[in-house]
Amino acid sequence: VVGLVGSEMCIRDRITDQVLVAISSDHIELSALQTIKDWSFVFISAILIFFLLRREFEQLKSLDSAREESEQTLVALLGNLPGMAYRRQVDASWTLDFASEGCKPLTGYEPSDLMHDESASFLDLIHPDDKNTLWEQVQESLDQARPYQLVYRICTVDDNTKWVLEQGQGVLSPEGELICLGGFITDVTERVEAEREVRRRAGQQEAFNAIVAASSRAADLSQLLTSVLKNSLQAFELDKGLIWVLDYTEHQGLQQEQVDEIVRVYESVIGEATVPHAVTDWESVSQESSVSELRISFIKLGVRSSITIPVLSEGRSIGGLCLLDEGVRNWS
């Protein structure tokens, strides 16, 4: 604007100089007229520039207000969504440049704690067992220039594990270069656990049906016990266990001497039990308890939890099915 005004002033200056020369030939009078003319132009130009700049400032102010209103609307919208919107760099730690307010209920961290790795890196929140697979899947999507949709686990600030669904894609520059990653992450723990529960119940029903079928097909007791143990471990997604009835024993994931010790200690400690005996965590069982000897045997095997179901004949225990878990487990 100032450039245009300056150019216009130069043109007018040449024209008015010619007019003044035509009006007066007196040198002093001509000089006075030119001085008045110059100051008049300065004054008029200053007023013109003032109003032009004022108009520009008002337009910029209007644009700033519109942008601020748009940003506030976006922040409010993101704040009402059940999850976290993000923008992160394409670096080794996926550094977050932006995280919406949904970050707090999702991870337990404030957005400022994760942005620019201030207190923690978002990559560090991803469950160790999922990290490599997740990285490979994102890189594959970026190589193919397509969005990604991933389900994985994160560890929150209070060490809880959540299943999350992440949907995102690479953000490209006008030249087609990858600038960053943008997307949305939401908690799907309830959905994933419900699906796993459905699969677990279906697996247990399948195992039960297989056991019933085996009971009619088995040629001898050993074959029947093998089927019962195999299908029971499959139903509970375990790889260690044993079953014994009288002098018959079958086992999986254990040595024979370990099986003999478990049976001996169980029968000496539990005796003629007619109800299941379940322990969520053997390490939390007191050393002075009545089952301390059994506790020592299981801990020595690296077993954290177990459930033993007695095999009954006419109301009397003649054996048991023992399922072992190396982790803490709440038995239903």
Protein backbone atom coordinates (compact mmCIF):
# COMPACT_ATOMS: atom_id res chain seq x y z
CA VAL A 1 0.00 0.00 0.00
CA VAL A 2 2.78 2.41 0.95
CA GLY A 3 4.59 1.59 -2.29
CA LEU A 4 1.50 2.41 -4.36
CA VAL A 5 1.01 5.69 -2.50
CA GLY A 6 4.67 6.59 -3.05
CA SER A 7 4.45 5.94 -6.79
CA GLU A 8 1.30 8.03 -7.06
CA MET A 9 2.96 10.89 -5.15
CA CYS A 10 5.91 10.92 -7.58
CA ILE A 11 3.56 11.25 -10.57
CA ARG A 12 1.56 14.01 -8.89
CA ASP A 13 4.75 15.81 -7.87
CA ARG A 14 5.91 16.11 -11.49
CA ILE A 15 2.49 17.35 -12.66
CA THR A 16 2.10 19.96 -9.91
CA ASP A 17 5.63 21.27 -10.48
CA GLN A 18 4.72 21.98 -14.08
CA VAL A 19 1.49 23.72 -12.98
CA LEU A 20 3.35 25.95 -10.46
CA VAL A 21 5.91 27.00 -13.07
CA ALA A 22 3.06 28.01 -15.34
CA ILE A 23 1.38 30.04 -12.52
CA SER A 24 4.44 31.99 -11.35
CA SER A 25 7.85 32.74 -12.75
CA ASP A 26 9.06 34.51 -9.59
CA HIS A 27 11.72 32.32 -7.95
CA ILE A 28 10.85 33.19 -4.33
CA GLU A 29 7.11 32.88 -4.84
CA LEU A 30 7.61 29.63 -6.75
CA SER A 31 9.74 28.25 -3.88
CA ALA A 32 7.07 29.16 -1.31
CA LEU A 33 4.34 27.53 -3.39
CA GLN A 34 6.42 24.36 -3.76
CA THR A 35 7.01 24.22 0.01
CA ILE A 36 3.25 24.56 0.68
CA LYS A 37 2.59 21.92 -1.95
CA ASP A 38 5.12 19.49 -0.49
CA TRP A 39 3.75 19.83 3.04
CA SER A 40 0.20 19.46 1.71
CA PHE A 41 1.16 16.24 -0.01
CA VAL A 42 2.87 14.97 3.16
CA PHE A 43 -0.20 15.77 5.24
CA ILE A 44 -2.67 14.25 2.77
CA SER A 45 -0.47 11.18 2.24
CA ALA A 46 -0.12 10.68 5.99
CA ILE A 47 -3.90 10.77 6.40
CA LEU A 48 -4.35 8.39 3.48
CA ILE A 49 -1.73 5.94 4.80
CA PHE A 50 -3.28 6.15 8.30
CA PHE A 51 -6.71 5.12 7.04
CA LEU A 52 -5.26 2.44 4.76
CA LEU A 53 -3.21 0.94 7.59
CA ARG A 54 -6.18 1.18 9.94
CA ARG A 55 -8.27 -0.78 7.49
CA GLU A 56 -5.53 -3.41 7.17
CA PHE A 57 -5.20 -3.70 10.96
CA GLU A 58 -8.96 -4.12 11.32
CA GLN A 59 -8.93 -6.89 8.73
CA LEU A 60 -6.03 -8.62 10.49
CA LYS A 61 -7.80 -8.26 13.83
CA SER A 62 -10.93 -9.78 12.32
CA LEU A 63 -8.88 -12.69 10.96
CA ASP A 64 -7.20 -13.20 14.35
CA SER A 65 -10.59 -13.22 16.07
CA ALA A 66 -11.95 -15.73 13.59
CA ARG A 67 -8.87 -17.94 14.01
CA GLU A 68 -9.05 -17.72 17.79
CA GLU A 69 -12.75 -18.60 17.71
CA SER A 70 -11.99 -21.51 15.40
CA GLU A 71 -9.23 -22.75 17.71
CA GLN A 72 -11.50 -22.50 20.75
CA THR A 73 -14.20 -24.45 18.92
CA LEU A 74 -11.68 -27.13 17.94
CA VAL A 75 -10.32 -27.38 21.51
CA ALA A 76 -13.87 -27.70 22.89
CA LEU A 77 -14.68 -30.36 20.30
CA LEU A 78 -11.55 -32.38 21.07
CA GLY A 79 -12.20 -32.03 24.80
CA ASN A 80 -15.59 -33.70 24.42
CA LEU A 81 -14.26 -36.66 22.45
CA PRO A 82 -13.55 -39.89 24.40
CA GLY A 83 -9.86 -40.07 23.63
CA MET A 84 -6.72 -38.15 22.71
CA ALA A 85 -5.99 -36.32 19.47
CA TYR A 86 -2.28 -36.05 18.74
CA ARG A 87 0.40 -34.78 16.40
CA ARG A 88 3.83 -36.36 16.73
CA GLN A 89 7.17 -36.28 15.00
CA VAL A 90 8.55 -39.06 12.83
CA ASP A 91 11.54 -39.69 15.07
CA ALA A 92 12.84 -42.65 17.10
CA SER A 93 10.67 -41.84 20.13
CA TRP A 94 7.57 -40.50 18.29
CA THR A 95 7.88 -37.20 20.15
CA LEU A 96 4.49 -35.56 20.70
CA ASP A 97 4.14 -31.98 19.45
CA PHE A 98 0.50 -31.82 20.49
CA ALA A 99 -1.86 -33.82 22.70
CA SER A 100 -5.45 -32.89 23.45
CA GLU A 101 -7.00 -32.77 26.93
CA GLY A 102 -8.18 -36.36 26.49
CA CYS A 103 -4.59 -37.36 27.27
CA LYS A 104 -5.23 -37.11 31.04
CA PRO A 105 -8.12 -39.63 31.36
CA LEU A 106 -6.47 -41.93 28.81
CA THR A 107 -2.91 -42.12 30.20
CA GLY A 108 -3.03 -40.35 33.58
CA TYR A 109 -0.49 -37.80 32.29
CA GLU A 110 -1.20 -34.14 31.59
CA PRO A 111 -0.73 -33.24 27.91
CA SER A 112 2.22 -31.03 28.87
CA ASP A 113 3.92 -34.02 30.53
CA LEU A 114 4.08 -35.93 27.24
CA MET A 115 4.55 -33.11 24.75
CA HIS A 116 8.20 -32.82 23.68
CA ASP A 117 8.95 -35.72 26.09
CA GLU A 118 8.76 -33.31 29.02
CA SER A 119 8.19 -35.97 31.71
CA ALA A 120 7.74 -39.14 29.67
CA SER A 121 7.79 -40.32 26.07
CA PHE A 122 4.55 -41.69 24.63
CA LEU A 123 6.58 -44.51 23.07
CA ASP A 124 7.61 -45.54 26.60
CA LEU A 125 3.93 -45.95 27.55
CA ILE A 126 3.39 -48.64 24.92
CA HIS A 127 3.47 -52.16 26.34
CA PRO A 128 6.89 -53.76 25.70
CA ASP A 129 5.31 -56.79 24.01
CA ASP A 130 3.46 -54.55 21.51
CA LYS A 131 6.13 -51.94 20.78
CA ASN A 132 8.05 -53.61 17.93
CA THR A 133 4.92 -54.85 16.15
CA LEU A 134 3.30 -51.43 16.42
CA TRP A 135 6.38 -49.67 15.02
CA GLU A 136 6.54 -52.06 12.06
CA GLN A 137 2.83 -51.65 11.27
CA VAL A 138 3.06 -47.85 11.30
CA GLN A 139 6.15 -47.88 9.07
CA GLU A 140 4.43 -50.24 6.65
CA SER A 141 1.40 -47.92 6.43
CA LEU A 142 3.63 -44.90 5.84
CA ASP A 143 5.56 -46.72 3.11
CA GLN A 144 2.26 -47.51 1.39
CA ALA A 145 0.93 -43.96 1.96
CA ARG A 146 -2.24 -45.18 3.66
CA PRO A 147 -3.88 -44.55 7.07
CA TYR A 148 -3.24 -46.97 9.92
CA GLN A 149 -5.63 -48.48 12.48
CA LEU A 150 -3.98 -50.33 15.36
CA VAL A 151 -5.04 -51.97 18.63
CA TYR A 152 -2.39 -52.30 21.33
CA ARG A 153 -1.73 -51.90 25.06
CA ILE A 154 -0.40 -48.92 27.01
CA CYS A 155 0.76 -48.64 30.62
CA THR A 156 -0.78 -45.65 32.40
CA VAL A 157 0.88 -43.43 34.99
CA ASP A 158 -0.45 -45.67 37.81
CA ASP A 159 0.82 -48.88 36.08
CA ASN A 160 -2.59 -50.01 34.85
CA THR A 161 -2.79 -51.63 31.43
CA LYS A 162 -5.29 -50.35 28.86
CA TRP A 163 -6.15 -51.50 25.37
CA VAL A 164 -6.34 -48.59 22.94
CA LEU A 165 -7.37 -48.09 19.32
CA GLU A 166 -5.18 -45.68 17.34
CA GLN A 167 -6.25 -44.29 13.98
CA GLY A 168 -3.90 -41.97 12.14
CA GLN A 169 -1.90 -41.19 9.05
CA GLY A 170 1.16 -39.34 7.84
CA VAL A 171 0.85 -35.58 7.23
CA LEU A 172 2.56 -34.50 4.01
CA SER A 173 3.94 -31.14 2.86
CA PRO A 174 2.77 -29.60 -0.46
CA GLU A 175 5.91 -31.15 -1.95
CA GLY A 176 4.84 -34.60 -0.74
CA GLU A 177 7.37 -34.92 2.08
CA LEU A 178 6.34 -36.59 5.36
CA ILE A 179 6.11 -33.88 8.06
CA CYS A 180 4.56 -35.65 11.04
CA LEU A 181 1.92 -38.14 12.17
CA GLY A 182 -1.58 -37.10 13.16
CA GLY A 183 -4.44 -39.10 14.56
CA PHE A 184 -6.66 -40.10 17.46
CA ILE A 185 -6.31 -42.67 20.27
CA THR A 186 -9.24 -43.99 22.30
CA ASP A 187 -9.69 -46.51 25.13
CA VAL A 188 -11.18 -49.84 23.94
CA THR A 189 -10.32 -51.93 27.01
CA GLU A 190 -13.92 -52.92 27.74
CA ARG A 191 -14.53 -53.98 24.14
CA VAL A 192 -11.31 -56.02 23.90
CA GLU A 193 -11.91 -57.74 27.24
CA ALA A 194 -15.50 -58.52 26.28
CA GLU A 195 -14.31 -60.07 23.01
CA ARG A 196 -11.65 -62.07 24.86
CA GLU A 197 -14.25 -63.26 27.36
CA VAL A 198 -16.48 -64.44 24.52
CA ARG A 199 -13.55 -66.32 22.97
CA ARG A 200 -12.57 -67.74 26.37
CA ARG A 201 -16.07 -69.05 27.05
CA ALA A 202 -16.29 -70.48 23.54
CA GLY A 203 -12.93 -72.21 24.07
CA GLN A 204 -14.06 -73.64 27.39
CA GLN A 205 -17.27 -74.92 25.88
CA GLU A 206 -15.30 -76.47 23.03
CA ALA A 207 -12.94 -78.11 25.55
CA PHE A 208 -15.87 -79.43 27.59
CA ASN A 209 -17.46 -80.91 24.47
CA ALA A 210 -14.14 -82.55 23.55
CA ILE A 211 -13.84 -84.07 27.04
CA VAL A 212 -17.38 -85.46 26.87
CA ALA A 213 -16.65 -86.90 23.44
CA ALA A 214 -13.36 -88.41 24.65
CA SER A 215 -15.10 -90.12 27.54
CA SER A 216 -17.08 -92.21 25.10
CA ARG A 217 -14.21 -92.88 22.66
CA ALA A 218 -11.27 -93.47 25.04
CA ALA A 219 -9.90 -96.99 24.89
CA ASP A 220 -8.46 -96.78 28.42
CA LEU A 221 -8.17 -94.46 31.42
CA SER A 222 -4.77 -93.10 30.35
CA GLN A 223 -6.16 -91.93 27.02
CA LEU A 224 -9.13 -90.30 28.75
CA LEU A 225 -6.92 -88.45 31.29
CA THR A 226 -4.65 -87.21 28.49
CA SER A 227 -7.67 -85.74 26.67
CA VAL A 228 -9.07 -84.16 29.84
CA LEU A 229 -5.74 -82.51 30.71
CA LYS A 230 -5.01 -81.33 27.16
CA ASN A 231 -8.43 -79.75 26.67
CA SER A 232 -8.53 -78.22 30.15
CA LEU A 233 -5.16 -76.50 29.63
CA GLN A 234 -6.32 -75.29 26.23
CA ALA A 235 -9.52 -73.86 27.72
CA PHE A 236 -7.58 -71.89 30.34
CA GLU A 237 -4.74 -70.96 27.91
CA LEU A 238 -2.11 -72.70 30.07
CA ASP A 239 0.82 -75.00 29.31
CA LYS A 240 1.46 -76.64 32.70
CA GLY A 241 -0.71 -79.11 34.56
CA LEU A 242 -1.29 -82.65 35.71
CA ILE A 243 -4.12 -85.06 36.37
CA TRP A 244 -4.07 -88.21 38.48
CA VAL A 245 -6.64 -90.86 39.33
CA LEU A 246 -5.55 -93.56 41.74
CA ASP A 247 -2.18 -94.73 40.34
CA TYR A 248 -2.64 -93.19 36.87
CA THR A 249 -0.98 -89.82 36.12
CA GLU A 250 -0.71 -87.62 33.03
CA HIS A 251 1.13 -84.32 32.86
CA GLN A 252 2.19 -81.53 30.52
CA GLY A 253 5.04 -79.03 30.92
CA LEU A 254 6.40 -80.84 34.01
CA GLN A 255 8.98 -83.49 34.82
CA GLN A 256 7.83 -86.78 36.31
CA GLU A 257 9.63 -86.09 39.61
CA GLN A 258 7.85 -82.73 39.85
CA VAL A 259 4.51 -84.44 39.27
CA ASP A 260 5.24 -87.03 41.96
CA GLU A 261 6.12 -84.29 44.46
CA ILE A 262 2.97 -82.25 43.75
CA VAL A 263 0.71 -85.30 44.13
CA ARG A 264 2.47 -86.41 47.33
CA VAL A 265 2.35 -82.95 48.95
CA TYR A 266 -1.23 -82.25 47.83
CA GLU A 267 -2.57 -85.53 49.22
CA SER A 268 -0.68 -85.07 52.49
CA VAL A 269 -1.74 -81.41 52.94
CA ILE A 270 -5.21 -81.24 51.39
CA GLY A 271 -6.13 -84.88 51.95
CA GLU A 272 -9.62 -86.00 51.08
CA ALA A 273 -10.75 -82.64 49.68
CA THR A 274 -14.09 -82.66 47.86
CA VAL A 275 -14.07 -79.02 46.71
CA PRO A 276 -11.64 -77.18 44.40
CA HIS A 277 -8.60 -75.53 45.98
CA ALA A 278 -7.63 -72.28 44.22
CA VAL A 279 -4.80 -69.86 45.00
CA THR A 280 -4.46 -66.51 43.21
CA ASP A 281 -0.85 -65.87 44.24
CA TRP A 282 1.25 -68.39 46.15
CA GLU A 283 3.81 -65.72 47.04
CA SER A 284 1.19 -63.91 49.10
CA VAL A 285 0.34 -67.07 51.09
CA SER A 286 1.81 -67.03 54.60
CA GLN A 287 4.73 -69.37 55.27
CA GLU A 288 2.96 -70.42 58.47
CA SER A 289 -0.23 -71.50 56.70
CA SER A 290 -1.44 -75.09 56.62
CA VAL A 291 -0.50 -75.33 52.94
CA SER A 292 3.02 -73.92 53.35
CA GLU A 293 4.60 -77.17 52.10
CA LEU A 294 2.50 -76.99 48.95
CA ARG A 295 3.44 -73.31 48.64
CA ILE A 296 7.16 -74.20 48.68
CA SER A 297 6.68 -76.84 45.99
CA PHE A 298 4.84 -74.48 43.62
CA ILE A 299 7.19 -71.52 44.13
CA LYS A 300 10.14 -73.83 43.44
CA LEU A 301 8.48 -74.64 40.09
CA GLY A 302 7.98 -70.94 39.29
CA VAL A 303 4.21 -71.26 39.72
CA ARG A 304 2.37 -68.18 41.04
CA SER A 305 -1.22 -69.49 40.99
CA SER A 306 -2.96 -72.83 40.80
CA ILE A 307 -6.32 -74.54 40.96
CA THR A 308 -6.82 -78.19 41.87
CA ILE A 309 -10.19 -79.83 41.26
CA PRO A 310 -10.72 -83.17 43.02
CA VAL A 311 -11.84 -86.18 41.02
CA LEU A 312 -14.63 -87.83 43.02
CA SER A 313 -16.10 -91.29 43.04
CA GLU A 314 -19.18 -91.80 45.21
CA GLY A 315 -18.31 -88.60 47.11
CA ARG A 316 -14.73 -89.69 47.82
CA SER A 317 -11.61 -88.10 46.33
CA ILE A 318 -9.63 -90.51 44.13
CA GLY A 319 -7.43 -87.97 42.36
CA GLY A 320 -7.30 -84.45 41.03
CA LEU A 321 -6.86 -82.12 38.05
CA CYS A 322 -4.24 -79.45 38.78
CA LEU A 323 -3.78 -76.42 36.48
CA LEU A 324 -0.75 -74.19 36.99
CA ASP A 325 -0.13 -70.57 35.98
CA GLU A 326 3.23 -68.79 36.12
CA GLY A 327 1.42 -65.48 36.69
CA VAL A 328 -1.08 -64.17 39.22
CA ARG A 329 -4.59 -65.32 38.30
CA ASN A 330 -8.07 -64.88 39.72
CA TRP A 331 -9.82 -68.23 39.24
CA SER A 332 -13.56 -68.16 38.67
